[in-house]
Amino acid sequence: MNALERQEDALIDCGVDPAHVIRAALRRAVKNWQLGPDFVPPAEEQRTRITEWRARTSLAVDAAAVTTLLRAYDPLDVLSKWTLIRGQLEPPVWAEIDAILAEIAAHAAVPHEGDAS
């Protein structure tokens, strides 16, 4: 899992290690996420090429939902399981990256006690 290319500059400038932002976004996105029964092709949006930011995780997915996808979209079982779920999972993670970046920016814009004026 990685961020989108359009998110690169904000991740670099946010003041938090981009890999931490991406991992936090992944944790938030999967908290209530469930695999749907329909195959969603991966988005064509360009992902960042900064591989150090990539987050890897094991994800528990409902076996029945995976079986449904396999039967309908990969009956020969030639695709990776990641290929089958990627189109459903990546967009919520990207949305969470955007949300975290907005939270960081909002926090940075508010004066905090002890800050020099």
PDB file of N, CA and C in Angstrom:
ATOM      1  N   MET A   1       0.850  -1.160   0.000  1.00  0.00           N
ATOM      2  CA  MET A   1       0.000   0.000   0.000  1.00  0.00           C
ATOM      3  C   MET A   1       0.896   1.223   0.000  1.00  0.00           C
ATOM      4  N   ASN A   2       0.589   2.175  -0.862  1.00  0.00           N
ATOM      5  CA  ASN A   2       1.363   3.393  -0.914  1.00  0.00           C
ATOM      6  C   ASN A   2       0.441   4.571  -1.200  1.00  0.00           C
ATOM      7  N   ALA A   3       0.958   5.749  -0.985  1.00  0.00           N
ATOM      8  CA  ALA A   3       0.210   6.979  -1.231  1.00  0.00           C
ATOM      9  C   ALA A   3       0.126   7.248  -2.725  1.00  0.00           C
ATOM     10  N   LEU A   4      -0.689   8.217  -3.059  1.00  0.00           N
ATOM     11  CA  LEU A   4      -0.787   8.663  -4.438  1.00  0.00           C
ATOM     12  C   LEU A   4       0.291   9.697  -4.726  1.00  0.00           C
ATOM     13  N   GLU A   5       0.656   9.804  -5.984  1.00  0.00           N
ATOM     14  CA  GLU A   5       1.649  10.790  -6.390  1.00  0.00           C
ATOM     15  C   GLU A   5       1.188  12.206  -6.012  1.00  0.00           C
ATOM     16  N   ARG A   6      -0.105  12.471  -6.132  1.00  0.00           N
ATOM     17  CA  ARG A   6      -0.627  13.805  -5.817  1.00  0.00           C
ATOM     18  C   ARG A   6      -0.489  14.136  -4.329  1.00  0.00           C
ATOM     19  N   GLN A   7      -0.239  13.135  -3.486  1.00  0.00           N
ATOM     20  CA  GLN A   7      -0.112  13.349  -2.052  1.00  0.00           C
ATOM     21  C   GLN A   7       1.343  13.539  -1.610  1.00  0.00           C
ATOM     22  N   GLU A   8       2.281  13.324  -2.524  1.00  0.00           N
ATOM     23  CA  GLU A   8       3.706  13.353  -2.183  1.00  0.00           C
ATOM     24  C   GLU A   8       4.141  14.637  -1.501  1.00  0.00           C
ATOM     25  N   ASP A   9       3.892  15.787  -2.130  1.00  0.00           N
ATOM     26  CA  ASP A   9       4.380  17.055  -1.590  1.00  0.00           C
ATOM     27  C   ASP A   9       3.829  17.308  -0.193  1.00  0.00           C
ATOM     28  N   ALA A  10       2.553  17.063   0.003  1.00  0.00           N
ATOM     29  CA  ALA A  10       1.952  17.285   1.319  1.00  0.00           C
ATOM     30  C   ALA A  10       2.545  16.344   2.355  1.00  0.00           C
ATOM     31  N   LEU A  11       2.817  15.107   1.963  1.00  0.00           N
ATOM     32  CA  LEU A  11       3.435  14.160   2.891  1.00  0.00           C
ATOM     33  C   LEU A  11       4.851  14.600   3.265  1.00  0.00           C
ATOM     34  N   ILE A  12       5.586  15.078   2.300  1.00  0.00           N
ATOM     35  CA  ILE A  12       6.955  15.534   2.562  1.00  0.00           C
ATOM     36  C   ILE A  12       6.941  16.757   3.475  1.00  0.00           C
ATOM     37  N   ASP A  13       5.978  17.651   3.274  1.00  0.00           N
ATOM     38  CA  ASP A  13       5.944  18.921   3.989  1.00  0.00           C
ATOM     39  C   ASP A  13       5.189  18.884   5.319  1.00  0.00           C
ATOM     40  N   CYS A  14       4.539  17.784   5.662  1.00  0.00           N
ATOM     41  CA  CYS A  14       3.638  17.780   6.818  1.00  0.00           C
ATOM     42  C   CYS A  14       4.345  17.755   8.169  1.00  0.00           C
ATOM     43  N   GLY A  15       5.623  17.411   8.197  1.00  0.00           N
ATOM     44  CA  GLY A  15       6.342  17.388   9.466  1.00  0.00           C
ATOM     45  C   GLY A  15       6.261  16.062  10.200  1.00  0.00           C
ATOM     46  N   VAL A  16       5.605  15.093   9.611  1.00  0.00           N
ATOM     47  CA  VAL A  16       5.505  13.747  10.182  1.00  0.00           C
ATOM     48  C   VAL A  16       6.072  12.785   9.145  1.00  0.00           C
ATOM     49  N   ASP A  17       6.776  11.766   9.613  1.00  0.00           N
ATOM     50  CA  ASP A  17       7.329  10.775   8.691  1.00  0.00           C
ATOM     51  C   ASP A  17       6.200  10.237   7.804  1.00  0.00           C
ATOM     52  N   PRO A  18       6.317  10.395   6.483  1.00  0.00           N
ATOM     53  CA  PRO A  18       5.249   9.932   5.586  1.00  0.00           C
ATOM     54  C   PRO A  18       4.872   8.462   5.783  1.00  0.00           C
ATOM     55  N   ALA A  19       5.834   7.619   6.092  1.00  0.00           N
ATOM     56  CA  ALA A  19       5.520   6.204   6.316  1.00  0.00           C
ATOM     57  C   ALA A  19       4.570   6.038   7.505  1.00  0.00           C
ATOM     58  N   HIS A  20       4.725   6.878   8.521  1.00  0.00           N
ATOM     59  CA  HIS A  20       3.827   6.823   9.682  1.00  0.00           C
ATOM     60  C   HIS A  20       2.428   7.277   9.299  1.00  0.00           C
ATOM     61  N   VAL A  21       2.341   8.298   8.479  1.00  0.00           N
ATOM     62  CA  VAL A  21       1.030   8.787   8.025  1.00  0.00           C
ATOM     63  C   VAL A  21       0.319   7.691   7.232  1.00  0.00           C
ATOM     64  N   ILE A  22       1.042   7.034   6.338  1.00  0.00           N
ATOM     65  CA  ILE A  22       0.442   5.991   5.505  1.00  0.00           C
ATOM     66  C   ILE A  22      -0.008   4.808   6.353  1.00  0.00           C
ATOM     67  N   ARG A  23       0.823   4.395   7.304  1.00  0.00           N
ATOM     68  CA  ARG A  23       0.425   3.280   8.183  1.00  0.00           C
ATOM     69  C   ARG A  23      -0.789   3.655   9.029  1.00  0.00           C
ATOM     70  N   ALA A  24      -0.822   4.887   9.530  1.00  0.00           N
ATOM     71  CA  ALA A  24      -1.984   5.329  10.308  1.00  0.00           C
ATOM     72  C   ALA A  24      -3.242   5.341   9.439  1.00  0.00           C
ATOM     73  N   ALA A  25      -3.102   5.795   8.201  1.00  0.00           N
ATOM     74  CA  ALA A  25      -4.240   5.818   7.274  1.00  0.00           C
ATOM     75  C   ALA A  25      -4.736   4.401   6.995  1.00  0.00           C
ATOM     76  N   LEU A  26      -3.818   3.479   6.825  1.00  0.00           N
ATOM     77  CA  LEU A  26      -4.203   2.088   6.597  1.00  0.00           C
ATOM     78  C   LEU A  26      -4.953   1.539   7.811  1.00  0.00           C
ATOM     79  N   ARG A  27      -4.443   1.806   9.015  1.00  0.00           N
ATOM     80  CA  ARG A  27      -5.132   1.336  10.225  1.00  0.00           C
ATOM     81  C   ARG A  27      -6.546   1.911  10.313  1.00  0.00           C
ATOM     82  N   ARG A  28      -6.669   3.197  10.051  1.00  0.00           N
ATOM     83  CA  ARG A  28      -7.997   3.828  10.106  1.00  0.00           C
ATOM     84  C   ARG A  28      -8.935   3.256   9.053  1.00  0.00           C
ATOM     85  N   ALA A  29      -8.415   3.079   7.849  1.00  0.00           N
ATOM     86  CA  ALA A  29      -9.257   2.625   6.734  1.00  0.00           C
ATOM     87  C   ALA A  29      -9.793   1.218   6.951  1.00  0.00           C
ATOM     88  N   VAL A  30      -8.988   0.350   7.532  1.00  0.00           N
ATOM     89  CA  VAL A  30      -9.433  -1.043   7.678  1.00  0.00           C
ATOM     90  C   VAL A  30     -10.246  -1.276   8.937  1.00  0.00           C
ATOM     91  N   LYS A  31     -10.309  -0.263   9.802  1.00  0.00           N
ATOM     92  CA  LYS A  31     -11.012  -0.422  11.076  1.00  0.00           C
ATOM     93  C   LYS A  31     -12.439  -0.935  10.872  1.00  0.00           C
ATOM     94  N   ASN A  32     -13.179  -0.359   9.954  1.00  0.00           N
ATOM     95  CA  ASN A  32     -14.571  -0.757   9.713  1.00  0.00           C
ATOM     96  C   ASN A  32     -14.806  -1.215   8.276  1.00  0.00           C
ATOM     97  N   TRP A  33     -13.725  -1.452   7.549  1.00  0.00           N
ATOM     98  CA  TRP A  33     -13.826  -1.839   6.144  1.00  0.00           C
ATOM     99  C   TRP A  33     -14.205  -3.312   6.025  1.00  0.00           C
ATOM    100  N   GLN A  34     -15.050  -3.607   5.056  1.00  0.00           N
ATOM    101  CA  GLN A  34     -15.394  -4.994   4.751  1.00  0.00           C
ATOM    102  C   GLN A  34     -15.324  -5.182   3.243  1.00  0.00           C
ATOM    103  N   LEU A  35     -14.806  -6.313   2.841  1.00  0.00           N
ATOM    104  CA  LEU A  35     -14.701  -6.649   1.432  1.00  0.00           C
ATOM    105  C   LEU A  35     -16.091  -6.858   0.847  1.00  0.00           C
ATOM    106  N   GLY A  36     -16.367  -6.173  -0.244  1.00  0.00           N
ATOM    107  CA  GLY A  36     -17.648  -6.326  -0.919  1.00  0.00           C
ATOM    108  C   GLY A  36     -17.618  -7.477  -1.910  1.00  0.00           C
ATOM    109  N   PRO A  37     -18.754  -7.874  -2.425  1.00  0.00           N
ATOM    110  CA  PRO A  37     -18.843  -9.039  -3.297  1.00  0.00           C
ATOM    111  C   PRO A  37     -18.452  -8.779  -4.752  1.00  0.00           C
ATOM    112  N   ASP A  38     -18.258  -7.508  -5.119  1.00  0.00           N
ATOM    113  CA  ASP A  38     -17.965  -7.188  -6.511  1.00  0.00           C
ATOM    114  C   ASP A  38     -16.513  -6.786  -6.695  1.00  0.00           C
ATOM    115  N   PHE A  39     -15.925  -7.238  -7.792  1.00  0.00           N
ATOM    116  CA  PHE A  39     -14.558  -6.864  -8.128  1.00  0.00           C
ATOM    117  C   PHE A  39     -14.532  -5.401  -8.544  1.00  0.00           C
ATOM    118  N   VAL A  40     -13.613  -4.658  -7.975  1.00  0.00           N
ATOM    119  CA  VAL A  40     -13.401  -3.260  -8.342  1.00  0.00           C
ATOM    120  C   VAL A  40     -11.981  -3.168  -8.884  1.00  0.00           C
ATOM    121  N   PRO A  41     -11.826  -2.816 -10.150  1.00  0.00           N
ATOM    122  CA  PRO A  41     -10.463  -2.724 -10.687  1.00  0.00           C
ATOM    123  C   PRO A  41      -9.673  -1.644  -9.954  1.00  0.00           C
ATOM    124  N   PRO A  42      -8.374  -1.859  -9.804  1.00  0.00           N
ATOM    125  CA  PRO A  42      -7.540  -0.842  -9.149  1.00  0.00           C
ATOM    126  C   PRO A  42      -7.657   0.491  -9.887  1.00  0.00           C
ATOM    127  N   ALA A  43      -7.640   1.565  -9.112  1.00  0.00           N
ATOM    128  CA  ALA A  43      -7.712   2.907  -9.687  1.00  0.00           C
ATOM    129  C   ALA A  43      -6.498   3.158 -10.568  1.00  0.00           C
ATOM    130  N   GLU A  44      -6.684   3.961 -11.572  1.00  0.00           N
ATOM    131  CA  GLU A  44      -5.600   4.278 -12.501  1.00  0.00           C
ATOM    132  C   GLU A  44      -4.740   5.428 -12.011  1.00  0.00           C
ATOM    133  N   GLU A  45      -5.089   6.003 -10.857  1.00  0.00           N
ATOM    134  CA  GLU A  45      -4.312   7.122 -10.332  1.00  0.00           C
ATOM    135  C   GLU A  45      -2.868   6.690 -10.087  1.00  0.00           C
ATOM    136  N   GLN A  46      -1.948   7.609 -10.358  1.00  0.00           N
ATOM    137  CA  GLN A  46      -0.523   7.316 -10.212  1.00  0.00           C
ATOM    138  C   GLN A  46      -0.147   7.273  -8.737  1.00  0.00           C
ATOM    139  N   ARG A  47       0.495   6.189  -8.351  1.00  0.00           N
ATOM    140  CA  ARG A  47       0.982   6.048  -6.985  1.00  0.00           C
ATOM    141  C   ARG A  47       2.389   6.621  -6.895  1.00  0.00           C
ATOM    142  N   THR A  48       2.767   7.046  -5.696  1.00  0.00           N
ATOM    143  CA  THR A  48       4.105   7.574  -5.504  1.00  0.00           C
ATOM    144  C   THR A  48       5.141   6.484  -5.775  1.00  0.00           C
ATOM    145  N   ARG A  49       6.278   6.904  -6.243  1.00  0.00           N
ATOM    146  CA  ARG A  49       7.361   5.959  -6.502  1.00  0.00           C
ATOM    147  C   ARG A  49       8.313   5.859  -5.317  1.00  0.00           C
ATOM    148  N   ILE A  50       7.999   6.535  -4.237  1.00  0.00           N
ATOM    149  CA  ILE A  50       8.853   6.510  -3.052  1.00  0.00           C
ATOM    150  C   ILE A  50       8.527   5.242  -2.265  1.00  0.00           C
ATOM    151  N   THR A  51       9.312   4.212  -2.511  1.00  0.00           N
ATOM    152  CA  THR A  51       9.001   2.897  -1.953  1.00  0.00           C
ATOM    153  C   THR A  51       9.234   2.808  -0.446  1.00  0.00           C
ATOM    154  N   GLU A  52      10.045   3.696   0.109  1.00  0.00           N
ATOM    155  CA  GLU A  52      10.294   3.659   1.550  1.00  0.00           C
ATOM    156  C   GLU A  52       9.026   3.949   2.350  1.00  0.00           C
ATOM    157  N   TRP A  53       8.054   4.563   1.715  1.00  0.00           N
ATOM    158  CA  TRP A  53       6.817   4.889   2.408  1.00  0.00           C
ATOM    159  C   TRP A  53       5.828   3.729   2.418  1.00  0.00           C
ATOM    160  N   ARG A  54       6.060   2.738   1.611  1.00  0.00           N
ATOM    161  CA  ARG A  54       5.096   1.661   1.423  1.00  0.00           C
ATOM    162  C   ARG A  54       4.779   0.966   2.744  1.00  0.00           C
ATOM    163  N   ALA A  55       3.509   0.728   2.973  1.00  0.00           N
ATOM    164  CA  ALA A  55       3.058   0.012   4.167  1.00  0.00           C
ATOM    165  C   ALA A  55       2.627  -1.393   3.764  1.00  0.00           C
ATOM    166  N   ARG A  56       3.122  -2.343   4.501  1.00  0.00           N
ATOM    167  CA  ARG A  56       2.725  -3.735   4.277  1.00  0.00           C
ATOM    168  C   ARG A  56       2.012  -4.232   5.526  1.00  0.00           C
ATOM    169  N   THR A  57       0.984  -5.019   5.308  1.00  0.00           N
ATOM    170  CA  THR A  57       0.235  -5.527   6.443  1.00  0.00           C
ATOM    171  C   THR A  57      -0.469  -6.814   6.056  1.00  0.00           C
ATOM    172  N   SER A  58      -0.818  -7.560   7.050  1.00  0.00           N
ATOM    173  CA  SER A  58      -1.713  -8.691   6.849  1.00  0.00           C
ATOM    174  C   SER A  58      -3.109  -8.186   7.156  1.00  0.00           C
ATOM    175  N   LEU A  59      -4.047  -8.586   6.372  1.00  0.00           N
ATOM    176  CA  LEU A  59      -5.398  -8.097   6.532  1.00  0.00           C
ATOM    177  C   LEU A  59      -6.350  -9.285   6.591  1.00  0.00           C
ATOM    178  N   ALA A  60      -7.078  -9.373   7.672  1.00  0.00           N
ATOM    179  CA  ALA A  60      -8.077 -10.432   7.789  1.00  0.00           C
ATOM    180  C   ALA A  60      -9.271 -10.063   6.925  1.00  0.00           C
ATOM    181  N   VAL A  61      -9.616 -10.947   6.033  1.00  0.00           N
ATOM    182  CA  VAL A  61     -10.722 -10.705   5.107  1.00  0.00           C
ATOM    183  C   VAL A  61     -11.682 -11.881   5.201  1.00  0.00           C
ATOM    184  N   ASP A  62     -12.956 -11.575   5.155  1.00  0.00           N
ATOM    185  CA  ASP A  62     -13.984 -12.608   5.233  1.00  0.00           C
ATOM    186  C   ASP A  62     -13.777 -13.649   4.128  1.00  0.00           C
ATOM    187  N   ALA A  63     -13.605 -14.887   4.530  1.00  0.00           N
ATOM    188  CA  ALA A  63     -13.314 -15.973   3.579  1.00  0.00           C
ATOM    189  C   ALA A  63     -14.435 -16.138   2.557  1.00  0.00           C
ATOM    190  N   ALA A  64     -15.674 -15.983   2.990  1.00  0.00           N
ATOM    191  CA  ALA A  64     -16.801 -16.132   2.061  1.00  0.00           C
ATOM    192  C   ALA A  64     -16.765 -15.050   0.992  1.00  0.00           C
ATOM    193  N   ALA A  65     -16.405 -13.834   1.373  1.00  0.00           N
ATOM    194  CA  ALA A  65     -16.326 -12.738   0.401  1.00  0.00           C
ATOM    195  C   ALA A  65     -15.211 -12.999  -0.607  1.00  0.00           C
ATOM    196  N   VAL A  66     -14.080 -13.494  -0.142  1.00  0.00           N
ATOM    197  CA  VAL A  66     -12.977 -13.812  -1.055  1.00  0.00           C
ATOM    198  C   VAL A  66     -13.390 -14.940  -1.994  1.00  0.00           C
ATOM    199  N   THR A  67     -14.057 -15.941  -1.465  1.00  0.00           N
ATOM    200  CA  THR A  67     -14.519 -17.061  -2.287  1.00  0.00           C
ATOM    201  C   THR A  67     -15.489 -16.572  -3.356  1.00  0.00           C
ATOM    202  N   THR A  68     -16.381 -15.660  -2.993  1.00  0.00           N
ATOM    203  CA  THR A  68     -17.325 -15.094  -3.960  1.00  0.00           C
ATOM    204  C   THR A  68     -16.584 -14.384  -5.079  1.00  0.00           C
ATOM    205  N   LEU A  69     -15.585 -13.568  -4.709  1.00  0.00           N
ATOM    206  CA  LEU A  69     -14.785 -12.877  -5.723  1.00  0.00           C
ATOM    207  C   LEU A  69     -14.033 -13.864  -6.603  1.00  0.00           C
ATOM    208  N   LEU A  70     -13.433 -14.874  -5.986  1.00  0.00           N
ATOM    209  CA  LEU A  70     -12.689 -15.870  -6.753  1.00  0.00           C
ATOM    210  C   LEU A  70     -13.573 -16.569  -7.771  1.00  0.00           C
ATOM    211  N   ARG A  71     -14.722 -17.018  -7.329  1.00  0.00           N
ATOM    212  CA  ARG A  71     -15.625 -17.743  -8.230  1.00  0.00           C
ATOM    213  C   ARG A  71     -16.090 -16.874  -9.392  1.00  0.00           C
ATOM    214  N   ALA A  72     -16.407 -15.626  -9.098  1.00  0.00           N
ATOM    215  CA  ALA A  72     -16.972 -14.748 -10.121  1.00  0.00           C
ATOM    216  C   ALA A  72     -15.919 -14.128 -11.030  1.00  0.00           C
ATOM    217  N   TYR A  73     -14.742 -13.800 -10.475  1.00  0.00           N
ATOM    218  CA  TYR A  73     -13.782 -12.997 -11.238  1.00  0.00           C
ATOM    219  C   TYR A  73     -12.438 -13.680 -11.480  1.00  0.00           C
ATOM    220  N   ASP A  74     -12.187 -14.777 -10.810  1.00  0.00           N
ATOM    221  CA  ASP A  74     -10.922 -15.487 -10.992  1.00  0.00           C
ATOM    222  C   ASP A  74     -11.120 -16.991 -10.765  1.00  0.00           C
ATOM    223  N   PRO A  75     -11.982 -17.612 -11.566  1.00  0.00           N
ATOM    224  CA  PRO A  75     -12.298 -19.027 -11.334  1.00  0.00           C
ATOM    225  C   PRO A  75     -11.090 -19.952 -11.489  1.00  0.00           C
ATOM    226  N   LEU A  76     -10.059 -19.519 -12.207  1.00  0.00           N
ATOM    227  CA  LEU A  76      -8.865 -20.353 -12.364  1.00  0.00           C
ATOM    228  C   LEU A  76      -7.837 -20.091 -11.271  1.00  0.00           C
ATOM    229  N   ASP A  77      -8.126 -19.154 -10.379  1.00  0.00           N
ATOM    230  CA  ASP A  77      -7.257 -18.821  -9.253  1.00  0.00           C
ATOM    231  C   ASP A  77      -5.841 -18.450  -9.712  1.00  0.00           C
ATOM    232  N   VAL A  78      -5.775 -17.542 -10.698  1.00  0.00           N
ATOM    233  CA  VAL A  78      -4.478 -17.111 -11.226  1.00  0.00           C
ATOM    234  C   VAL A  78      -4.068 -15.732 -10.697  1.00  0.00           C
ATOM    235  N   LEU A  79      -5.023 -14.969 -10.176  1.00  0.00           N
ATOM    236  CA  LEU A  79      -4.713 -13.648  -9.648  1.00  0.00           C
ATOM    237  C   LEU A  79      -4.330 -13.748  -8.172  1.00  0.00           C
ATOM    238  N   SER A  80      -3.549 -12.792  -7.705  1.00  0.00           N
ATOM    239  CA  SER A  80      -3.267 -12.747  -6.277  1.00  0.00           C
ATOM    240  C   SER A  80      -4.514 -12.265  -5.553  1.00  0.00           C
ATOM    241  N   LYS A  81      -4.620 -12.606  -4.309  1.00  0.00           N
ATOM    242  CA  LYS A  81      -5.758 -12.132  -3.508  1.00  0.00           C
ATOM    243  C   LYS A  81      -5.717 -10.608  -3.422  1.00  0.00           C
ATOM    244  N   TRP A  82      -4.508 -10.029  -3.356  1.00  0.00           N
ATOM    245  CA  TRP A  82      -4.359  -8.579  -3.309  1.00  0.00           C
ATOM    246  C   TRP A  82      -4.982  -7.936  -4.544  1.00  0.00           C
ATOM    247  N   THR A  83      -4.787  -8.540  -5.699  1.00  0.00           N
ATOM    248  CA  THR A  83      -5.363  -8.009  -6.927  1.00  0.00           C
ATOM    249  C   THR A  83      -6.885  -7.950  -6.832  1.00  0.00           C
ATOM    250  N   LEU A  84      -7.471  -8.937  -6.168  1.00  0.00           N
ATOM    251  CA  LEU A  84      -8.928  -8.989  -6.054  1.00  0.00           C
ATOM    252  C   LEU A  84      -9.495  -7.946  -5.091  1.00  0.00           C
ATOM    253  N   ILE A  85      -8.739  -7.562  -4.067  1.00  0.00           N
ATOM    254  CA  ILE A  85      -9.292  -6.635  -3.075  1.00  0.00           C
ATOM    255  C   ILE A  85      -8.742  -5.212  -3.192  1.00  0.00           C
ATOM    256  N   ARG A  86      -7.674  -5.044  -3.892  1.00  0.00           N
ATOM    257  CA  ARG A  86      -6.968  -3.765  -3.983  1.00  0.00           C
ATOM    258  C   ARG A  86      -7.870  -2.594  -4.382  1.00  0.00           C
ATOM    259  N   GLY A  87      -8.693  -2.795  -5.392  1.00  0.00           N
ATOM    260  CA  GLY A  87      -9.569  -1.732  -5.884  1.00  0.00           C
ATOM    261  C   GLY A  87     -10.594  -1.280  -4.861  1.00  0.00           C
ATOM    262  N   GLN A  88     -10.894  -2.137  -3.903  1.00  0.00           N
ATOM    263  CA  GLN A  88     -11.831  -1.772  -2.841  1.00  0.00           C
ATOM    264  C   GLN A  88     -11.126  -1.116  -1.652  1.00  0.00           C
ATOM    265  N   LEU A  89      -9.877  -1.487  -1.407  1.00  0.00           N
ATOM    266  CA  LEU A  89      -9.182  -1.017  -0.211  1.00  0.00           C
ATOM    267  C   LEU A  89      -8.373   0.263  -0.410  1.00  0.00           C
ATOM    268  N   GLU A  90      -7.737   0.417  -1.559  1.00  0.00           N
ATOM    269  CA  GLU A  90      -6.873   1.582  -1.743  1.00  0.00           C
ATOM    270  C   GLU A  90      -7.606   2.923  -1.624  1.00  0.00           C
ATOM    271  N   PRO A  91      -8.754   3.129  -2.256  1.00  0.00           N
ATOM    272  CA  PRO A  91      -9.411   4.435  -2.153  1.00  0.00           C
ATOM    273  C   PRO A  91      -9.715   4.880  -0.710  1.00  0.00           C
ATOM    274  N   PRO A  92     -10.194   4.009   0.173  1.00  0.00           N
ATOM    275  CA  PRO A  92     -10.392   4.459   1.557  1.00  0.00           C
ATOM    276  C   PRO A  92      -9.066   4.831   2.249  1.00  0.00           C
ATOM    277  N   VAL A  93      -7.987   4.141   1.930  1.00  0.00           N
ATOM    278  CA  VAL A  93      -6.696   4.484   2.528  1.00  0.00           C
ATOM    279  C   VAL A  93      -6.246   5.860   2.033  1.00  0.00           C
ATOM    280  N   TRP A  94      -6.376   6.111   0.738  1.00  0.00           N
ATOM    281  CA  TRP A  94      -5.998   7.414   0.192  1.00  0.00           C
ATOM    282  C   TRP A  94      -6.835   8.530   0.811  1.00  0.00           C
ATOM    283  N   ALA A  95      -8.123   8.262   1.022  1.00  0.00           N
ATOM    284  CA  ALA A  95      -8.988   9.264   1.662  1.00  0.00           C
ATOM    285  C   ALA A  95      -8.521   9.529   3.090  1.00  0.00           C
ATOM    286  N   GLU A  96      -8.088   8.495   3.779  1.00  0.00           N
ATOM    287  CA  GLU A  96      -7.586   8.672   5.147  1.00  0.00           C
ATOM    288  C   GLU A  96      -6.262   9.432   5.151  1.00  0.00           C
ATOM    289  N   ILE A  97      -5.408   9.212   4.158  1.00  0.00           N
ATOM    290  CA  ILE A  97      -4.169   9.996   4.059  1.00  0.00           C
ATOM    291  C   ILE A  97      -4.523  11.468   3.930  1.00  0.00           C
ATOM    292  N   ASP A  98      -5.478  11.780   3.048  1.00  0.00           N
ATOM    293  CA  ASP A  98      -5.916  13.164   2.880  1.00  0.00           C
ATOM    294  C   ASP A  98      -6.460  13.727   4.194  1.00  0.00           C
ATOM    295  N   ALA A  99      -7.249  12.924   4.914  1.00  0.00           N
ATOM    296  CA  ALA A  99      -7.840  13.378   6.179  1.00  0.00           C
ATOM    297  C   ALA A  99      -6.749  13.640   7.227  1.00  0.00           C
ATOM    298  N   ILE A 100      -5.780  12.753   7.314  1.00  0.00           N
ATOM    299  CA  ILE A 100      -4.691  12.930   8.284  1.00  0.00           C
ATOM    300  C   ILE A 100      -3.869  14.173   7.934  1.00  0.00           C
ATOM    301  N   LEU A 101      -3.574  14.355   6.661  1.00  0.00           N
ATOM    302  CA  LEU A 101      -2.833  15.545   6.241  1.00  0.00           C
ATOM    303  C   LEU A 101      -3.607  16.813   6.601  1.00  0.00           C
ATOM    304  N   ALA A 102      -4.925  16.799   6.426  1.00  0.00           N
ATOM    305  CA  ALA A 102      -5.758  17.952   6.784  1.00  0.00           C
ATOM    306  C   ALA A 102      -5.727  18.180   8.296  1.00  0.00           C
ATOM    307  N   GLU A 103      -5.762  17.097   9.077  1.00  0.00           N
ATOM    308  CA  GLU A 103      -5.692  17.212  10.533  1.00  0.00           C
ATOM    309  C   GLU A 103      -4.351  17.803  10.970  1.00  0.00           C
ATOM    310  N   ILE A 104      -3.277  17.345  10.359  1.00  0.00           N
ATOM    311  CA  ILE A 104      -1.943  17.863  10.689  1.00  0.00           C
ATOM    312  C   ILE A 104      -1.869  19.348  10.351  1.00  0.00           C
ATOM    313  N   ALA A 105      -2.370  19.731   9.184  1.00  0.00           N
ATOM    314  CA  ALA A 105      -2.346  21.136   8.774  1.00  0.00           C
ATOM    315  C   ALA A 105      -3.200  21.992   9.713  1.00  0.00           C
ATOM    316  N   ALA A 106      -4.360  21.505  10.098  1.00  0.00           N
ATOM    317  CA  ALA A 106      -5.235  22.258  11.001  1.00  0.00           C
ATOM    318  C   ALA A 106      -4.575  22.417  12.368  1.00  0.00           C
ATOM    319  N   HIS A 107      -3.941  21.367  12.836  1.00  0.00           N
ATOM    320  CA  HIS A 107      -3.259  21.421  14.135  1.00  0.00           C
ATOM    321  C   HIS A 107      -2.104  22.414  14.082  1.00  0.00           C
ATOM    322  N   ALA A 108      -1.386  22.421  12.992  1.00  0.00           N
ATOM    323  CA  ALA A 108      -0.247  23.328  12.843  1.00  0.00           C
ATOM    324  C   ALA A 108      -0.694  24.788  12.750  1.00  0.00           C
ATOM    325  N   ALA A 109      -1.909  25.029  12.274  1.00  0.00           N
ATOM    326  CA  ALA A 109      -2.402  26.391  12.086  1.00  0.00           C
ATOM    327  C   ALA A 109      -2.940  27.011  13.384  1.00  0.00           C
ATOM    328  N   VAL A 110      -3.172  26.184  14.403  1.00  0.00           N
ATOM    329  CA  VAL A 110      -3.722  26.680  15.657  1.00  0.00           C
ATOM    330  C   VAL A 110      -2.573  26.975  16.631  1.00  0.00           C
ATOM    331  N   PRO A 111      -2.556  28.187  17.185  1.00  0.00           N
ATOM    332  CA  PRO A 111      -1.517  28.485  18.167  1.00  0.00           C
ATOM    333  C   PRO A 111      -1.714  27.608  19.411  1.00  0.00           C
ATOM    334  N   HIS A 112      -0.625  27.107  19.933  1.00  0.00           N
ATOM    335  CA  HIS A 112      -0.680  26.223  21.101  1.00  0.00           C
ATOM    336  C   HIS A 112      -0.007  26.909  22.277  1.00  0.00           C
ATOM    337  N   GLU A 113      -0.475  26.570  23.472  1.00  0.00           N
ATOM    338  CA  GLU A 113       0.099  27.135  24.699  1.00  0.00           C
ATOM    339  C   GLU A 113       1.603  26.876  24.711  1.00  0.00           C
ATOM    340  N   GLY A 114       2.346  27.895  25.034  1.00  0.00           N
ATOM    341  CA  GLY A 114       3.803  27.760  25.078  1.00  0.00           C
ATOM    342  C   GLY A 114       4.482  28.131  23.783  1.00  0.00           C
ATOM    343  N   ASP A 115       3.695  28.307  22.688  1.00  0.00           N
ATOM    344  CA  ASP A 115       4.294  28.731  21.417  1.00  0.00           C
ATOM    345  C   ASP A 115       4.706  30.193  21.534  1.00  0.00           C
ATOM    346  N   ALA A 116       5.805  30.536  20.908  1.00  0.00           N
ATOM    347  CA  ALA A 116       6.226  31.940  20.894  1.00  0.00           C
ATOM    348  C   ALA A 116       5.295  32.734  19.999  1.00  0.00           C
ATOM    349  N   SER A 117       4.933  33.921  20.415  1.00  0.00           N
ATOM    350  CA  SER A 117       4.012  34.755  19.626  1.00  0.00           C
ATOM    351  C   SER A 117       4.745  35.729  18.774  1.00  0.00           C
TER     352      SER A 117
END
